[in-house]
Protein backbone atom coordinates (compact mmCIF):
# COMPACT_ATOMS: atom_id res chain seq x y z
CA MET A 1 0.00 0.00 0.00
CA GLY A 2 2.86 2.38 0.82
CA ILE A 3 4.41 1.88 -2.60
CA SER A 4 1.17 2.74 -4.39
CA ASN A 5 0.91 6.00 -2.39
CA VAL A 6 4.50 6.85 -3.26
CA THR A 7 3.79 5.97 -6.90
CA ALA A 8 0.62 8.07 -6.93
CA GLY A 9 2.47 11.01 -5.36
CA LEU A 10 5.31 10.74 -7.87
CA GLU A 11 2.87 10.42 -10.77
CA ASP A 12 1.16 13.60 -9.55
CA LYS A 13 4.55 15.36 -9.33
CA ILE A 14 5.41 14.13 -12.85
CA ALA A 15 2.15 15.59 -14.15
CA VAL A 16 2.91 18.95 -12.49
CA PHE A 17 6.48 18.92 -13.85
CA LYS A 18 5.22 18.09 -17.35
CA GLY A 19 2.72 20.96 -17.14
CA GLU A 20 5.44 23.36 -16.00
CA LEU A 21 7.73 22.05 -18.77
CA GLN A 22 5.06 22.83 -21.39
CA THR A 23 4.71 26.36 -19.99
CA VAL A 24 8.48 26.90 -19.93
CA GLU A 25 8.89 25.56 -23.49
CA ALA A 26 6.08 27.82 -24.69
CA ARG A 27 7.78 30.85 -23.09
CA ILE A 28 11.12 29.84 -24.64
CA LYS A 29 9.45 29.65 -28.07
CA GLU A 30 7.85 33.11 -27.57
CA ILE A 31 11.19 34.60 -26.60
CA GLU A 32 13.01 32.98 -29.54
CA GLU A 33 10.36 34.31 -31.94
CA GLY A 34 10.67 37.69 -30.25
CA ILE A 35 14.42 37.65 -30.85
CA GLU A 36 13.78 37.06 -34.56
CA VAL A 37 11.37 40.00 -34.58
CA LEU A 38 13.91 42.07 -32.66
CA HIS A 39 16.52 41.45 -35.37
CA LEU A 40 14.03 42.47 -38.08
CA LEU A 41 13.07 45.62 -36.16
CA ARG A 42 16.71 46.58 -35.59
CA ASN A 43 17.42 46.16 -39.32
CA ARG A 44 14.38 48.31 -40.17
CA ALA A 45 15.45 50.99 -37.67
CA THR A 46 18.91 51.12 -39.25
CA LYS A 47 17.40 51.45 -42.73
CA LEU A 48 14.98 54.18 -41.58
CA GLN A 49 17.83 56.15 -40.02
CA SER A 50 19.75 55.92 -43.32
CA LEU A 51 16.68 57.06 -45.29
CA ILE A 52 16.13 60.03 -42.95
CA ILE A 53 19.77 61.10 -43.19
CA GLY A 54 19.67 60.72 -46.99
CA ALA A 55 16.47 62.76 -47.37
CA GLU A 56 17.85 65.48 -45.08
CA ASP A 57 21.07 65.54 -47.13
CA ILE A 58 19.07 66.05 -50.33
CA ILE A 59 17.16 68.96 -48.78
CA LEU A 60 20.36 70.49 -47.38
CA ASP A 61 22.05 70.16 -50.77
CA ALA A 62 19.22 72.16 -52.37
CA ASP A 63 18.88 74.60 -49.44
CA PRO A 64 21.95 74.82 -47.16
CA SER A 65 20.10 77.08 -44.71
CA TRP A 66 17.38 74.46 -44.07
CA LYS A 67 17.11 73.59 -40.38
CA ARG A 68 13.40 73.09 -39.87
CA PRO A 69 12.60 70.46 -37.24
CA ILE A 70 10.26 67.74 -38.46
CA LYS A 71 7.88 66.20 -35.97
CA PRO A 72 7.42 62.43 -36.22
CA ARG A 73 4.01 61.21 -37.33
CA ILE A 74 2.46 57.83 -37.97
CA LYS A 75 1.45 57.11 -41.56
CA ARG A 76 -2.31 57.36 -42.17
CA LYS A 77 -2.85 58.70 -38.69
CA TRP A 78 -3.59 62.39 -38.33
CA HIS A 79 -4.76 64.18 -35.23
CA SER A 80 -6.66 67.36 -35.90
CA PRO A 81 -5.60 70.42 -33.91
CA PHE A 82 -9.32 71.03 -33.41
CA LYS A 83 -11.72 69.24 -31.11
CA SER A 84 -14.34 66.93 -32.57
CA GLY A 85 -17.03 68.96 -34.36
CA GLU A 86 -15.07 72.18 -34.05
CA ILE A 87 -13.84 72.36 -37.65
CA GLY A 88 -17.31 72.92 -39.09
CA LEU A 89 -18.28 75.47 -36.46
CA ARG A 90 -15.04 77.42 -36.94
CA ALA A 91 -15.38 77.28 -40.74
CA LEU A 92 -18.90 78.69 -40.57
CA SER A 93 -17.73 81.32 -38.10
CA VAL A 94 -14.95 82.42 -40.49
CA LEU A 95 -17.40 82.57 -43.40
CA ARG A 96 -19.86 84.66 -41.37
CA GLU A 97 -17.11 86.97 -40.12
CA LYS A 98 -15.60 87.57 -43.58
CA ASP A 99 -19.01 87.71 -45.32
CA ARG A 100 -17.57 86.91 -48.76
CA TRP A 101 -16.87 83.99 -51.07
CA MET A 102 -13.93 81.93 -49.78
CA ARG A 103 -12.07 78.77 -50.75
CA PRO A 104 -11.63 75.99 -48.15
CA ARG A 105 -7.85 76.60 -48.10
CA ASP A 106 -8.35 80.27 -47.21
CA ILE A 107 -10.77 79.30 -44.45
CA ALA A 108 -8.33 76.66 -43.15
CA PHE A 109 -5.49 79.21 -43.16
CA ILE A 110 -7.50 81.62 -41.01
CA MET A 111 -8.60 78.81 -38.67
CA LEU A 112 -5.01 77.59 -38.20
CA SER A 113 -3.76 81.16 -37.75
CA GLN A 114 -6.22 81.59 -34.90
CA ILE A 115 -4.55 78.73 -33.01
CA GLY A 116 -0.97 79.49 -34.06
CA ARG A 117 -0.50 76.60 -36.50
CA GLU A 118 -0.36 78.50 -39.81
CA GLY A 119 3.10 77.13 -40.74
CA ASP A 120 2.11 73.45 -40.41
CA ARG A 121 1.68 72.21 -44.00
CA MET A 122 0.23 68.84 -42.95
CA ALA A 123 -2.36 70.51 -40.73
CA MET A 124 -3.17 72.95 -43.56
CA ASP A 125 -3.79 70.19 -46.09
CA LYS A 126 -5.83 68.03 -43.73
CA THR A 127 -7.85 70.95 -42.37
CA THR A 128 -8.52 72.17 -45.93
CA ASN A 129 -9.87 68.72 -46.83
CA SER A 130 -12.00 68.61 -43.68
CA VAL A 131 -13.40 72.10 -44.27
CA GLY A 132 -14.17 71.24 -47.91
CA GLY A 133 -15.93 68.04 -46.88
CA TYR A 134 -17.94 69.81 -44.20
CA LEU A 135 -19.05 72.57 -46.56
CA LYS A 136 -19.97 70.03 -49.26
CA ARG A 137 -22.07 68.13 -46.71
CA TYR A 138 -24.09 71.25 -45.87
CA GLU A 139 -24.27 72.73 -49.37
CA GLY A 140 -27.74 74.15 -49.90
CA ASP A 141 -28.59 74.05 -46.18
CA LEU A 142 -26.02 76.30 -44.51
CA VAL A 143 -23.70 77.28 -47.34
CA GLN A 144 -23.73 77.80 -51.07
CA SER A 145 -20.94 77.35 -53.59
CA ARG A 146 -19.86 78.67 -56.95
CA GLY A 147 -17.39 77.32 -59.47
CA ASP A 148 -16.34 73.77 -60.19
CA PHE A 149 -12.67 73.41 -59.33
CA ALA A 150 -11.46 75.19 -56.20
CA LYS A 151 -15.03 75.96 -55.26
CA GLU A 152 -15.73 79.10 -53.33
CA TRP A 153 -18.20 79.05 -50.48
CA ARG A 154 -20.27 81.48 -48.45
CA VAL A 155 -22.94 81.26 -45.79
CA ILE A 156 -26.49 81.35 -47.13
CA ARG A 157 -27.91 84.70 -46.17
CA GLU A 158 -31.28 84.89 -44.51
CA SER A 159 -34.07 86.29 -46.71
CA GLY A 160 -34.42 89.35 -44.41
CA GLU A 161 -30.93 90.66 -45.31
C-alpha cells in the first residue's frame, strides 16, 4: 500500500512537472520568436535612419540654410488640432465673419492662424480637406458654392438681409 501512495504522489509530481515544462517551453518559443522580430526591427530601424539622413542631405544640398525640425508622425494617422465637431463650427464662423466667397484653403489658413498653426503644412492640407468636406455636406442648407474646381463658399444669407 505504501508503494502505491508513493507511486501516486510521484505520478502527480510528474504531471505537475510536465505541465510546467510545457509552460516553460512555450515561453522559450515566444522569446526565440521575439528575438527574430527584434533582429528584423533593428534592421528596419537602421534602414529608416539611413533614409532620414539621406532625405535630409538632399534637402540640405538644395537649401543649405534648411534647419526646420520635423515632428514624427504615424502614416495614415492624423490628429486634428481642433476638437471633434469644431472644424465645421469654426469654418462657418470664419465665413460669417468675412461675409464673402472663400475657398476651403483660405478658411483653413484663417482657422489655423487663430490657433498658431499657420506654418504646419500637414495641418493645412488636412484641415482644408476637412473644411471642404464639411461645406460640401451642408451645401444648400447652410452654405452655397460657386465654381467647379477650387469651389468658393459662403454662408447662405437669410431672406431678411
